[in-house]
Amino acid sequence: EVALWTEVLSKDREQLMTFLASHSIQTE
């Protein structure tokens, strides 16, 4: 199989995405 994306699940998604963005890391 080909790992086209690194897909994750997190119950903390909103806080985690905000935290990553505050460190200039883009997520979708």
mmCIF file of all heavy atoms, coordinates in Angstrom:
data_MODEL
# 
_entry.id   MODEL 
# 
loop_
_atom_site.group_PDB 
_atom_site.id 
_atom_site.type_symbol 
_atom_site.label_atom_id 
_atom_site.label_alt_id 
_atom_site.label_comp_id 
_atom_site.label_asym_id 
_atom_site.label_entity_id 
_atom_site.label_seq_id 
_atom_site.pdbx_PDB_ins_code 
_atom_site.Cartn_x 
_atom_site.Cartn_y 
_atom_site.Cartn_z 
_atom_site.occupancy 
_atom_site.B_iso_or_equiv 
_atom_site.pdbx_formal_charge 
_atom_site.auth_seq_id 
_atom_site.auth_comp_id 
_atom_site.auth_asym_id 
_atom_site.auth_atom_id 
_atom_site.pdbx_PDB_model_num 
ATOM 1   N N   . GLU A 1 1  ? 0.848   -1.188 0.000  1.00 0.00 ? 1  GLU A N   1 
ATOM 2   C CA  . GLU A 1 1  ? 0.000   0.000  0.000  1.00 0.00 ? 1  GLU A CA  1 
ATOM 3   C C   . GLU A 1 1  ? 0.888   1.244  0.000  1.00 0.00 ? 1  GLU A C   1 
ATOM 4   O O   . GLU A 1 1  ? 2.029   1.213  0.456  1.00 0.00 ? 1  GLU A O   1 
ATOM 5   C CB  . GLU A 1 1  ? -0.914  0.017  1.231  1.00 0.00 ? 1  GLU A CB  1 
ATOM 6   C CG  . GLU A 1 1  ? -2.006  -1.018 1.180  1.00 0.00 ? 1  GLU A CG  1 
ATOM 7   C CD  . GLU A 1 1  ? -2.970  -0.938 2.347  1.00 0.00 ? 1  GLU A CD  1 
ATOM 8   O OE1 . GLU A 1 1  ? -2.861  -0.030 3.196  1.00 0.00 ? 1  GLU A OE1 1 
ATOM 9   O OE2 . GLU A 1 1  ? -3.834  -1.813 2.417  1.00 0.00 ? 1  GLU A OE2 1 
ATOM 10  N N   . VAL A 1 2  ? 0.335   2.326  -0.504 1.00 0.00 ? 2  VAL A N   1 
ATOM 11  C CA  . VAL A 1 2  ? 1.084   3.584  -0.579 1.00 0.00 ? 2  VAL A CA  1 
ATOM 12  C C   . VAL A 1 2  ? 0.503   4.567  0.442  1.00 0.00 ? 2  VAL A C   1 
ATOM 13  O O   . VAL A 1 2  ? -0.703  4.823  0.447  1.00 0.00 ? 2  VAL A O   1 
ATOM 14  C CB  . VAL A 1 2  ? 1.010   4.187  -1.995 1.00 0.00 ? 2  VAL A CB  1 
ATOM 15  C CG1 . VAL A 1 2  ? 1.769   5.508  -2.062 1.00 0.00 ? 2  VAL A CG1 1 
ATOM 16  C CG2 . VAL A 1 2  ? 1.557   3.195  -3.015 1.00 0.00 ? 2  VAL A CG2 1 
ATOM 17  N N   . ALA A 1 3  ? 1.360   5.108  1.275  1.00 0.00 ? 3  ALA A N   1 
ATOM 18  C CA  . ALA A 1 3  ? 0.957   6.071  2.308  1.00 0.00 ? 3  ALA A CA  1 
ATOM 19  C C   . ALA A 1 3  ? 0.919   7.472  1.690  1.00 0.00 ? 3  ALA A C   1 
ATOM 20  O O   . ALA A 1 3  ? 1.793   8.300  1.934  1.00 0.00 ? 3  ALA A O   1 
ATOM 21  C CB  . ALA A 1 3  ? 1.920   6.010  3.478  1.00 0.00 ? 3  ALA A CB  1 
ATOM 22  N N   . LEU A 1 4  ? -0.107  7.723  0.876  1.00 0.00 ? 4  LEU A N   1 
ATOM 23  C CA  . LEU A 1 4  ? -0.202  9.030  0.225  1.00 0.00 ? 4  LEU A CA  1 
ATOM 24  C C   . LEU A 1 4  ? -0.280  10.159 1.236  1.00 0.00 ? 4  LEU A C   1 
ATOM 25  O O   . LEU A 1 4  ? 0.255   11.233 1.012  1.00 0.00 ? 4  LEU A O   1 
ATOM 26  C CB  . LEU A 1 4  ? -1.431  9.082  -0.686 1.00 0.00 ? 4  LEU A CB  1 
ATOM 27  C CG  . LEU A 1 4  ? -1.393  8.187  -1.910 1.00 0.00 ? 4  LEU A CG  1 
ATOM 28  C CD1 . LEU A 1 4  ? -2.712  8.273  -2.671 1.00 0.00 ? 4  LEU A CD1 1 
ATOM 29  C CD2 . LEU A 1 4  ? -0.227  8.561  -2.808 1.00 0.00 ? 4  LEU A CD2 1 
ATOM 30  N N   . TRP A 1 5  ? -0.968  9.915  2.353  1.00 0.00 ? 5  TRP A N   1 
ATOM 31  C CA  . TRP A 1 5  ? -1.118  10.901 3.414  1.00 0.00 ? 5  TRP A CA  1 
ATOM 32  C C   . TRP A 1 5  ? -0.819  10.233 4.740  1.00 0.00 ? 5  TRP A C   1 
ATOM 33  O O   . TRP A 1 5  ? -0.965  9.027  4.894  1.00 0.00 ? 5  TRP A O   1 
ATOM 34  C CB  . TRP A 1 5  ? -2.546  11.450 3.457  1.00 0.00 ? 5  TRP A CB  1 
ATOM 35  C CG  . TRP A 1 5  ? -2.960  12.115 2.201  1.00 0.00 ? 5  TRP A CG  1 
ATOM 36  C CD1 . TRP A 1 5  ? -2.653  13.383 1.797  1.00 0.00 ? 5  TRP A CD1 1 
ATOM 37  C CD2 . TRP A 1 5  ? -3.764  11.564 1.159  1.00 0.00 ? 5  TRP A CD2 1 
ATOM 38  N NE1 . TRP A 1 5  ? -3.212  13.650 0.577  1.00 0.00 ? 5  TRP A NE1 1 
ATOM 39  C CE2 . TRP A 1 5  ? -3.901  12.540 0.158  1.00 0.00 ? 5  TRP A CE2 1 
ATOM 40  C CE3 . TRP A 1 5  ? -4.381  10.329 0.961  1.00 0.00 ? 5  TRP A CE3 1 
ATOM 41  C CZ2 . TRP A 1 5  ? -4.626  12.336 -1.000 1.00 0.00 ? 5  TRP A CZ2 1 
ATOM 42  C CZ3 . TRP A 1 5  ? -5.089  10.130 -0.195 1.00 0.00 ? 5  TRP A CZ3 1 
ATOM 43  C CH2 . TRP A 1 5  ? -5.215  11.121 -1.155 1.00 0.00 ? 5  TRP A CH2 1 
ATOM 44  N N   . THR A 1 6  ? -0.447  11.052 5.698  1.00 0.00 ? 6  THR A N   1 
ATOM 45  C CA  . THR A 1 6  ? -0.343  10.569 7.075  1.00 0.00 ? 6  THR A CA  1 
ATOM 46  C C   . THR A 1 6  ? -1.594  11.078 7.776  1.00 0.00 ? 6  THR A C   1 
ATOM 47  O O   . THR A 1 6  ? -1.683  12.237 8.178  1.00 0.00 ? 6  THR A O   1 
ATOM 48  C CB  . THR A 1 6  ? 0.940   11.064 7.757  1.00 0.00 ? 6  THR A CB  1 
ATOM 49  O OG1 . THR A 1 6  ? 2.062   10.595 6.996  1.00 0.00 ? 6  THR A OG1 1 
ATOM 50  C CG2 . THR A 1 6  ? 1.041   10.529 9.171  1.00 0.00 ? 6  THR A CG2 1 
ATOM 51  N N   . GLU A 1 7  ? -2.573  10.193 7.871  1.00 0.00 ? 7  GLU A N   1 
ATOM 52  C CA  . GLU A 1 7  ? -3.875  10.524 8.438  1.00 0.00 ? 7  GLU A CA  1 
ATOM 53  C C   . GLU A 1 7  ? -3.909  10.095 9.897  1.00 0.00 ? 7  GLU A C   1 
ATOM 54  O O   . GLU A 1 7  ? -3.489  8.995  10.240 1.00 0.00 ? 7  GLU A O   1 
ATOM 55  C CB  . GLU A 1 7  ? -4.978  9.796  7.676  1.00 0.00 ? 7  GLU A CB  1 
ATOM 56  C CG  . GLU A 1 7  ? -5.016  10.167 6.198  1.00 0.00 ? 7  GLU A CG  1 
ATOM 57  C CD  . GLU A 1 7  ? -5.950  9.280  5.408  1.00 0.00 ? 7  GLU A CD  1 
ATOM 58  O OE1 . GLU A 1 7  ? -5.872  8.044  5.550  1.00 0.00 ? 7  GLU A OE1 1 
ATOM 59  O OE2 . GLU A 1 7  ? -6.765  9.835  4.645  1.00 0.00 ? 7  GLU A OE2 1 
ATOM 60  N N   . VAL A 1 8  ? -4.428  10.988 10.739 1.00 0.00 ? 8  VAL A N   1 
ATOM 61  C CA  . VAL A 1 8  ? -4.486  10.705 12.165 1.00 0.00 ? 8  VAL A CA  1 
ATOM 62  C C   . VAL A 1 8  ? -5.863  11.053 12.717 1.00 0.00 ? 8  VAL A C   1 
ATOM 63  O O   . VAL A 1 8  ? -6.611  11.829 12.117 1.00 0.00 ? 8  VAL A O   1 
ATOM 64  C CB  . VAL A 1 8  ? -3.388  11.475 12.946 1.00 0.00 ? 8  VAL A CB  1 
ATOM 65  C CG1 . VAL A 1 8  ? -1.996  11.042 12.523 1.00 0.00 ? 8  VAL A CG1 1 
ATOM 66  C CG2 . VAL A 1 8  ? -3.544  12.973 12.787 1.00 0.00 ? 8  VAL A CG2 1 
ATOM 67  N N   . LEU A 1 9  ? -6.153  10.474 13.863 1.00 0.00 ? 9  LEU A N   1 
ATOM 68  C CA  . LEU A 1 9  ? -7.350  10.803 14.625 1.00 0.00 ? 9  LEU A CA  1 
ATOM 69  C C   . LEU A 1 9  ? -6.915  11.312 15.984 1.00 0.00 ? 9  LEU A C   1 
ATOM 70  O O   . LEU A 1 9  ? -5.951  10.796 16.573 1.00 0.00 ? 9  LEU A O   1 
ATOM 71  C CB  . LEU A 1 9  ? -8.239  9.579  14.820 1.00 0.00 ? 9  LEU A CB  1 
ATOM 72  C CG  . LEU A 1 9  ? -8.809  8.900  13.587 1.00 0.00 ? 9  LEU A CG  1 
ATOM 73  C CD1 . LEU A 1 9  ? -9.580  7.647  13.980 1.00 0.00 ? 9  LEU A CD1 1 
ATOM 74  C CD2 . LEU A 1 9  ? -9.689  9.851  12.798 1.00 0.00 ? 9  LEU A CD2 1 
ATOM 75  N N   . SER A 1 10 ? -7.629  12.310 16.494 1.00 0.00 ? 10 SER A N   1 
ATOM 76  C CA  . SER A 1 10 ? -7.363  12.799 17.839 1.00 0.00 ? 10 SER A CA  1 
ATOM 77  C C   . SER A 1 10 ? -8.629  13.415 18.417 1.00 0.00 ? 10 SER A C   1 
ATOM 78  O O   . SER A 1 10 ? -9.277  14.241 17.767 1.00 0.00 ? 10 SER A O   1 
ATOM 79  C CB  . SER A 1 10 ? -6.245  13.843 17.833 1.00 0.00 ? 10 SER A CB  1 
ATOM 80  O OG  . SER A 1 10 ? -6.036  14.330 19.146 1.00 0.00 ? 10 SER A OG  1 
ATOM 81  N N   . LYS A 1 11 ? -8.967  13.012 19.630 1.00 0.00 ? 11 LYS A N   1 
ATOM 82  C CA  . LYS A 1 11 ? -10.088 13.640 20.334 1.00 0.00 ? 11 LYS A CA  1 
ATOM 83  C C   . LYS A 1 11 ? -9.739  15.085 20.670 1.00 0.00 ? 11 LYS A C   1 
ATOM 84  O O   . LYS A 1 11 ? -10.626 15.895 20.910 1.00 0.00 ? 11 LYS A O   1 
ATOM 85  C CB  . LYS A 1 11 ? -10.448 12.847 21.590 1.00 0.00 ? 11 LYS A CB  1 
ATOM 86  C CG  . LYS A 1 11 ? -11.054 11.503 21.276 1.00 0.00 ? 11 LYS A CG  1 
ATOM 87  C CD  . LYS A 1 11 ? -11.391 10.724 22.515 1.00 0.00 ? 11 LYS A CD  1 
ATOM 88  C CE  . LYS A 1 11 ? -11.958 9.365  22.119 1.00 0.00 ? 11 LYS A CE  1 
ATOM 89  N NZ  . LYS A 1 11 ? -12.232 8.509  23.269 1.00 0.00 ? 11 LYS A NZ  1 
ATOM 90  N N   . ASP A 1 12 ? -8.451  15.411 20.688 1.00 0.00 ? 12 ASP A N   1 
ATOM 91  C CA  . ASP A 1 12 ? -7.959  16.766 20.940 1.00 0.00 ? 12 ASP A CA  1 
ATOM 92  C C   . ASP A 1 12 ? -7.757  17.544 19.638 1.00 0.00 ? 12 ASP A C   1 
ATOM 93  O O   . ASP A 1 12 ? -7.004  18.516 19.619 1.00 0.00 ? 12 ASP A O   1 
ATOM 94  C CB  . ASP A 1 12 ? -6.593  16.714 21.648 1.00 0.00 ? 12 ASP A CB  1 
ATOM 95  C CG  . ASP A 1 12 ? -6.635  16.138 23.040 1.00 0.00 ? 12 ASP A CG  1 
ATOM 96  O OD1 . ASP A 1 12 ? -7.732  15.854 23.553 1.00 0.00 ? 12 ASP A OD1 1 
ATOM 97  O OD2 . ASP A 1 12 ? -5.554  15.969 23.627 1.00 0.00 ? 12 ASP A OD2 1 
ATOM 98  N N   . ARG A 1 13 ? -8.393  17.133 18.555 1.00 0.00 ? 13 ARG A N   1 
ATOM 99  C CA  . ARG A 1 13 ? -8.052  17.666 17.237 1.00 0.00 ? 13 ARG A CA  1 
ATOM 100 C C   . ARG A 1 13 ? -7.987  19.191 17.184 1.00 0.00 ? 13 ARG A C   1 
ATOM 101 O O   . ARG A 1 13 ? -6.998  19.748 16.708 1.00 0.00 ? 13 ARG A O   1 
ATOM 102 C CB  . ARG A 1 13 ? -9.032  17.172 16.172 1.00 0.00 ? 13 ARG A CB  1 
ATOM 103 C CG  . ARG A 1 13 ? -8.677  17.734 14.784 1.00 0.00 ? 13 ARG A CG  1 
ATOM 104 C CD  . ARG A 1 13 ? -9.606  17.300 13.707 1.00 0.00 ? 13 ARG A CD  1 
ATOM 105 N NE  . ARG A 1 13 ? -10.890 17.976 13.815 1.00 0.00 ? 13 ARG A NE  1 
ATOM 106 C CZ  . ARG A 1 13 ? -11.887 17.778 12.984 1.00 0.00 ? 13 ARG A CZ  1 
ATOM 107 N NH1 . ARG A 1 13 ? -11.773 16.913 11.986 1.00 0.00 ? 13 ARG A NH1 1 
ATOM 108 N NH2 . ARG A 1 13 ? -13.023 18.413 13.129 1.00 0.00 ? 13 ARG A NH2 1 
ATOM 109 N N   . GLU A 1 14 ? -9.006  19.863 17.651 1.00 0.00 ? 14 GLU A N   1 
ATOM 110 C CA  . GLU A 1 14 ? -9.033  21.326 17.510 1.00 0.00 ? 14 GLU A CA  1 
ATOM 111 C C   . GLU A 1 14 ? -7.883  21.979 18.270 1.00 0.00 ? 14 GLU A C   1 
ATOM 112 O O   . GLU A 1 14 ? -7.177  22.832 17.728 1.00 0.00 ? 14 GLU A O   1 
ATOM 113 C CB  . GLU A 1 14 ? -10.387 21.888 17.959 1.00 0.00 ? 14 GLU A CB  1 
ATOM 114 C CG  . GLU A 1 14 ? -11.573 21.358 17.167 1.00 0.00 ? 14 GLU A CG  1 
ATOM 115 C CD  . GLU A 1 14 ? -11.434 21.513 15.659 1.00 0.00 ? 14 GLU A CD  1 
ATOM 116 O OE1 . GLU A 1 14 ? -10.969 22.568 15.189 1.00 0.00 ? 14 GLU A OE1 1 
ATOM 117 O OE2 . GLU A 1 14 ? -11.808 20.566 14.931 1.00 0.00 ? 14 GLU A OE2 1 
ATOM 118 N N   . GLN A 1 15 ? -7.671  21.568 19.528 1.00 0.00 ? 15 GLN A N   1 
ATOM 119 C CA  . GLN A 1 15 ? -6.573  22.129 20.325 1.00 0.00 ? 15 GLN A CA  1 
ATOM 120 C C   . GLN A 1 15 ? -5.220  21.770 19.715 1.00 0.00 ? 15 GLN A C   1 
ATOM 121 O O   . GLN A 1 15 ? -4.305  22.585 19.682 1.00 0.00 ? 15 GLN A O   1 
ATOM 122 C CB  . GLN A 1 15 ? -6.608  21.624 21.768 1.00 0.00 ? 15 GLN A CB  1 
ATOM 123 C CG  . GLN A 1 15 ? -7.890  21.837 22.509 1.00 0.00 ? 15 GLN A CG  1 
ATOM 124 C CD  . GLN A 1 15 ? -8.833  20.645 22.402 1.00 0.00 ? 15 GLN A CD  1 
ATOM 125 O OE1 . GLN A 1 15 ? -9.364  20.335 21.332 1.00 0.00 ? 15 GLN A OE1 1 
ATOM 126 N NE2 . GLN A 1 15 ? -9.074  19.964 23.505 1.00 0.00 ? 15 GLN A NE2 1 
ATOM 127 N N   . LEU A 1 16 ? -5.113  20.545 19.245 1.00 0.00 ? 16 LEU A N   1 
ATOM 128 C CA  . LEU A 1 16 ? -3.853  20.067 18.677 1.00 0.00 ? 16 LEU A CA  1 
ATOM 129 C C   . LEU A 1 16 ? -3.530  20.793 17.377 1.00 0.00 ? 16 LEU A C   1 
ATOM 130 O O   . LEU A 1 16 ? -2.394  21.229 17.163 1.00 0.00 ? 16 LEU A O   1 
ATOM 131 C CB  . LEU A 1 16 ? -3.925  18.551 18.458 1.00 0.00 ? 16 LEU A CB  1 
ATOM 132 C CG  . LEU A 1 16 ? -2.686  17.860 17.932 1.00 0.00 ? 16 LEU A CG  1 
ATOM 133 C CD1 . LEU A 1 16 ? -1.447  18.197 18.750 1.00 0.00 ? 16 LEU A CD1 1 
ATOM 134 C CD2 . LEU A 1 16 ? -2.904  16.346 17.924 1.00 0.00 ? 16 LEU A CD2 1 
ATOM 135 N N   . MET A 1 17 ? -4.513  20.971 16.515 1.00 0.00 ? 17 MET A N   1 
ATOM 136 C CA  . MET A 1 17 ? -4.272  21.696 15.269 1.00 0.00 ? 17 MET A CA  1 
ATOM 137 C C   . MET A 1 17 ? -3.901  23.153 15.555 1.00 0.00 ? 17 MET A C   1 
ATOM 138 O O   . MET A 1 17 ? -3.032  23.722 14.892 1.00 0.00 ? 17 MET A O   1 
ATOM 139 C CB  . MET A 1 17 ? -5.495  21.604 14.355 1.00 0.00 ? 17 MET A CB  1 
ATOM 140 C CG  . MET A 1 17 ? -5.692  20.218 13.754 1.00 0.00 ? 17 MET A CG  1 
ATOM 141 S SD  . MET A 1 17 ? -7.149  20.100 12.688 1.00 0.00 ? 17 MET A SD  1 
ATOM 142 C CE  . MET A 1 17 ? -6.599  21.058 11.273 1.00 0.00 ? 17 MET A CE  1 
ATOM 143 N N   . THR A 1 18 ? -4.531  23.746 16.545 1.00 0.00 ? 18 THR A N   1 
ATOM 144 C CA  . THR A 1 18 ? -4.198  25.119 16.934 1.00 0.00 ? 18 THR A CA  1 
ATOM 145 C C   . THR A 1 18 ? -2.776  25.188 17.474 1.00 0.00 ? 18 THR A C   1 
ATOM 146 O O   . THR A 1 18 ? -2.016  26.105 17.142 1.00 0.00 ? 18 THR A O   1 
ATOM 147 C CB  . THR A 1 18 ? -5.205  25.638 17.986 1.00 0.00 ? 18 THR A CB  1 
ATOM 148 O OG1 . THR A 1 18 ? -6.512  25.634 17.401 1.00 0.00 ? 18 THR A OG1 1 
ATOM 149 C CG2 . THR A 1 18 ? -4.856  27.033 18.465 1.00 0.00 ? 18 THR A CG2 1 
ATOM 150 N N   . PHE A 1 19 ? -2.406  24.221 18.294 1.00 0.00 ? 19 PHE A N   1 
ATOM 151 C CA  . PHE A 1 19 ? -1.049  24.168 18.850 1.00 0.00 ? 19 PHE A CA  1 
ATOM 152 C C   . PHE A 1 19 ? -0.024  24.024 17.726 1.00 0.00 ? 19 PHE A C   1 
ATOM 153 O O   . PHE A 1 19 ? 0.988   24.732 17.704 1.00 0.00 ? 19 PHE A O   1 
ATOM 154 C CB  . PHE A 1 19 ? -0.935  23.000 19.836 1.00 0.00 ? 19 PHE A CB  1 
ATOM 155 C CG  . PHE A 1 19 ? 0.368   22.941 20.563 1.00 0.00 ? 19 PHE A CG  1 
ATOM 156 C CD1 . PHE A 1 19 ? 0.601   23.740 21.668 1.00 0.00 ? 19 PHE A CD1 1 
ATOM 157 C CD2 . PHE A 1 19 ? 1.369   22.075 20.153 1.00 0.00 ? 19 PHE A CD2 1 
ATOM 158 C CE1 . PHE A 1 19 ? 1.808   23.695 22.347 1.00 0.00 ? 19 PHE A CE1 1 
ATOM 159 C CE2 . PHE A 1 19 ? 2.578   22.012 20.811 1.00 0.00 ? 19 PHE A CE2 1 
ATOM 160 C CZ  . PHE A 1 19 ? 2.801   22.824 21.928 1.00 0.00 ? 19 PHE A CZ  1 
ATOM 161 N N   . LEU A 1 20 ? -0.267  23.122 16.799 1.00 0.00 ? 20 LEU A N   1 
ATOM 162 C CA  . LEU A 1 20 ? 0.655   22.946 15.671 1.00 0.00 ? 20 LEU A CA  1 
ATOM 163 C C   . LEU A 1 20 ? 0.746   24.224 14.837 1.00 0.00 ? 20 LEU A C   1 
ATOM 164 O O   . LEU A 1 20 ? 1.837   24.646 14.448 1.00 0.00 ? 20 LEU A O   1 
ATOM 165 C CB  . LEU A 1 20 ? 0.222   21.752 14.816 1.00 0.00 ? 20 LEU A CB  1 
ATOM 166 C CG  . LEU A 1 20 ? 0.392   20.376 15.473 1.00 0.00 ? 20 LEU A CG  1 
ATOM 167 C CD1 . LEU A 1 20 ? -0.358  19.308 14.693 1.00 0.00 ? 20 LEU A CD1 1 
ATOM 168 C CD2 . LEU A 1 20 ? 1.851   20.007 15.612 1.00 0.00 ? 20 LEU A CD2 1 
ATOM 169 N N   . ALA A 1 21 ? -0.382  24.867 14.596 1.00 0.00 ? 21 ALA A N   1 
ATOM 170 C CA  . ALA A 1 21 ? -0.385  26.119 13.824 1.00 0.00 ? 21 ALA A CA  1 
ATOM 171 C C   . ALA A 1 21 ? 0.414   27.204 14.539 1.00 0.00 ? 21 ALA A C   1 
ATOM 172 O O   . ALA A 1 21 ? 1.108   27.994 13.887 1.00 0.00 ? 21 ALA A O   1 
ATOM 173 C CB  . ALA A 1 21 ? -1.820  26.583 13.577 1.00 0.00 ? 21 ALA A CB  1 
ATOM 174 N N   . SER A 1 22 ? 0.352   27.222 15.870 1.00 0.00 ? 22 SER A N   1 
ATOM 175 C CA  . SER A 1 22 ? 1.116   28.223 16.633 1.00 0.00 ? 22 SER A CA  1 
ATOM 176 C C   . SER A 1 22 ? 2.619   27.990 16.505 1.00 0.00 ? 22 SER A C   1 
ATOM 177 O O   . SER A 1 22 ? 3.413   28.874 16.836 1.00 0.00 ? 22 SER A O   1 
ATOM 178 C CB  . SER A 1 22 ? 0.699   28.218 18.108 1.00 0.00 ? 22 SER A CB  1 
ATOM 179 O OG  . SER A 1 22 ? 1.218   27.091 18.787 1.00 0.00 ? 22 SER A OG  1 
ATOM 180 N N   . HIS A 1 23 ? 3.000   26.810 16.023 1.00 0.00 ? 23 HIS A N   1 
ATOM 181 C CA  . HIS A 1 23 ? 4.401   26.488 15.759 1.00 0.00 ? 23 HIS A CA  1 
ATOM 182 C C   . HIS A 1 23 ? 4.678   26.444 14.247 1.00 0.00 ? 23 HIS A C   1 
ATOM 183 O O   . HIS A 1 23 ? 5.614   25.795 13.794 1.00 0.00 ? 23 HIS A O   1 
ATOM 184 C CB  . HIS A 1 23 ? 4.769   25.148 16.405 1.00 0.00 ? 23 HIS A CB  1 
ATOM 185 C CG  . HIS A 1 23 ? 4.852   25.227 17.891 1.00 0.00 ? 23 HIS A CG  1 
ATOM 186 N ND1 . HIS A 1 23 ? 3.740   25.189 18.708 1.00 0.00 ? 23 HIS A ND1 1 
ATOM 187 C CD2 . HIS A 1 23 ? 5.923   25.367 18.716 1.00 0.00 ? 23 HIS A CD2 1 
ATOM 188 C CE1 . HIS A 1 23 ? 4.120   25.287 19.963 1.00 0.00 ? 23 HIS A CE1 1 
ATOM 189 N NE2 . HIS A 1 23 ? 5.440   25.408 19.993 1.00 0.00 ? 23 HIS A NE2 1 
ATOM 190 N N   . SER A 1 24 ? 3.822   27.125 13.487 1.00 0.00 ? 24 SER A N   1 
ATOM 191 C CA  . SER A 1 24 ? 3.949   27.232 12.022 1.00 0.00 ? 24 SER A CA  1 
ATOM 192 C C   . SER A 1 24 ? 3.925   25.888 11.312 1.00 0.00 ? 24 SER A C   1 
ATOM 193 O O   . SER A 1 24 ? 4.620   25.675 10.318 1.00 0.00 ? 24 SER A O   1 
ATOM 194 C CB  . SER A 1 24 ? 5.225   28.005 11.648 1.00 0.00 ? 24 SER A CB  1 
ATOM 195 O OG  . SER A 1 24 ? 5.199   29.295 12.207 1.00 0.00 ? 24 SER A OG  1 
ATOM 196 N N   . ILE A 1 25 ? 3.101   24.973 11.826 1.00 0.00 ? 25 ILE A N   1 
ATOM 197 C CA  . ILE A 1 25 ? 2.926   23.662 11.201 1.00 0.00 ? 25 ILE A CA  1 
ATOM 198 C C   . ILE A 1 25 ? 1.498   23.585 10.679 1.00 0.00 ? 25 ILE A C   1 
ATOM 199 O O   . ILE A 1 25 ? 0.540   23.680 11.446 1.00 0.00 ? 25 ILE A O   1 
ATOM 200 C CB  . ILE A 1 25 ? 3.221   22.519 12.194 1.00 0.00 ? 25 ILE A CB  1 
ATOM 201 C CG1 . ILE A 1 25 ? 4.685   22.572 12.613 1.00 0.00 ? 25 ILE A CG1 1 
ATOM 202 C CG2 . ILE A 1 25 ? 2.860   21.170 11.582 1.00 0.00 ? 25 ILE A CG2 1 
ATOM 203 C CD1 . ILE A 1 25 ? 5.047   21.630 13.728 1.00 0.00 ? 25 ILE A CD1 1 
ATOM 204 N N   . GLN A 1 26 ? 1.391   23.422 9.375  1.00 0.00 ? 26 GLN A N   1 
ATOM 205 C CA  . GLN A 1 26 ? 0.088   23.393 8.725  1.00 0.00 ? 26 GLN A CA  1 
ATOM 206 C C   . GLN A 1 26 ? -0.477  21.981 8.727  1.00 0.00 ? 26 GLN A C   1 
ATOM 207 O O   . GLN A 1 26 ? 0.222   21.013 8.413  1.00 0.00 ? 26 GLN A O   1 
ATOM 208 C CB  . GLN A 1 26 ? 0.207   23.890 7.299  1.00 0.00 ? 26 GLN A CB  1 
ATOM 209 C CG  . GLN A 1 26 ? -1.110  23.944 6.572  1.00 0.00 ? 26 GLN A CG  1 
ATOM 210 C CD  . GLN A 1 26 ? -0.951  24.455 5.150  1.00 0.00 ? 26 GLN A CD  1 
ATOM 211 O OE1 . GLN A 1 26 ? 0.133   24.776 4.704  1.00 0.00 ? 26 GLN A OE1 1 
ATOM 212 N NE2 . GLN A 1 26 ? -2.064  24.520 4.434  1.00 0.00 ? 26 GLN A NE2 1 
ATOM 213 N N   . THR A 1 27 ? -1.747  21.865 9.089  1.00 0.00 ? 27 THR A N   1 
ATOM 214 C CA  . THR A 1 27 ? -2.475  20.602 9.038  1.00 0.00 ? 27 THR A CA  1 
ATOM 215 C C   . THR A 1 27 ? -3.783  20.858 8.297  1.00 0.00 ? 27 THR A C   1 
ATOM 216 O O   . THR A 1 27 ? -4.181  22.001 8.104  1.00 0.00 ? 27 THR A O   1 
ATOM 217 C CB  . THR A 1 27 ? -2.767  20.066 10.448 1.00 0.00 ? 27 THR A CB  1 
ATOM 218 O OG1 . THR A 1 27 ? -3.500  21.055 11.183 1.00 0.00 ? 27 THR A OG1 1 
ATOM 219 C CG2 . THR A 1 27 ? -1.485  19.726 11.193 1.00 0.00 ? 27 THR A CG2 1 
ATOM 220 N N   . GLU A 1 28 ? -4.445  19.789 7.910  1.00 0.00 ? 28 GLU A N   1 
ATOM 221 C CA  . GLU A 1 28 ? -5.734  19.896 7.224  1.00 0.00 ? 28 GLU A CA  1 
ATOM 222 C C   . GLU A 1 28 ? -6.701  18.873 7.804  1.00 0.00 ? 28 GLU A C   1 
ATOM 223 O O   . GLU A 1 28 ? -6.332  17.722 8.021  1.00 0.00 ? 28 GLU A O   1 
ATOM 224 C CB  . GLU A 1 28 ? -5.577  19.627 5.724  1.00 0.00 ? 28 GLU A CB  1 
ATOM 225 C CG  . GLU A 1 28 ? -4.742  20.641 4.981  1.00 0.00 ? 28 GLU A CG  1 
ATOM 226 C CD  . GLU A 1 28 ? -5.413  21.994 4.850  1.00 0.00 ? 28 GLU A CD  1 
ATOM 227 O OE1 . GLU A 1 28 ? -6.662  22.043 4.821  1.00 0.00 ? 28 GLU A OE1 1 
ATOM 228 O OE2 . GLU A 1 28 ? -4.686  22.996 4.778  1.00 0.00 ? 28 GLU A OE2 1 
# 
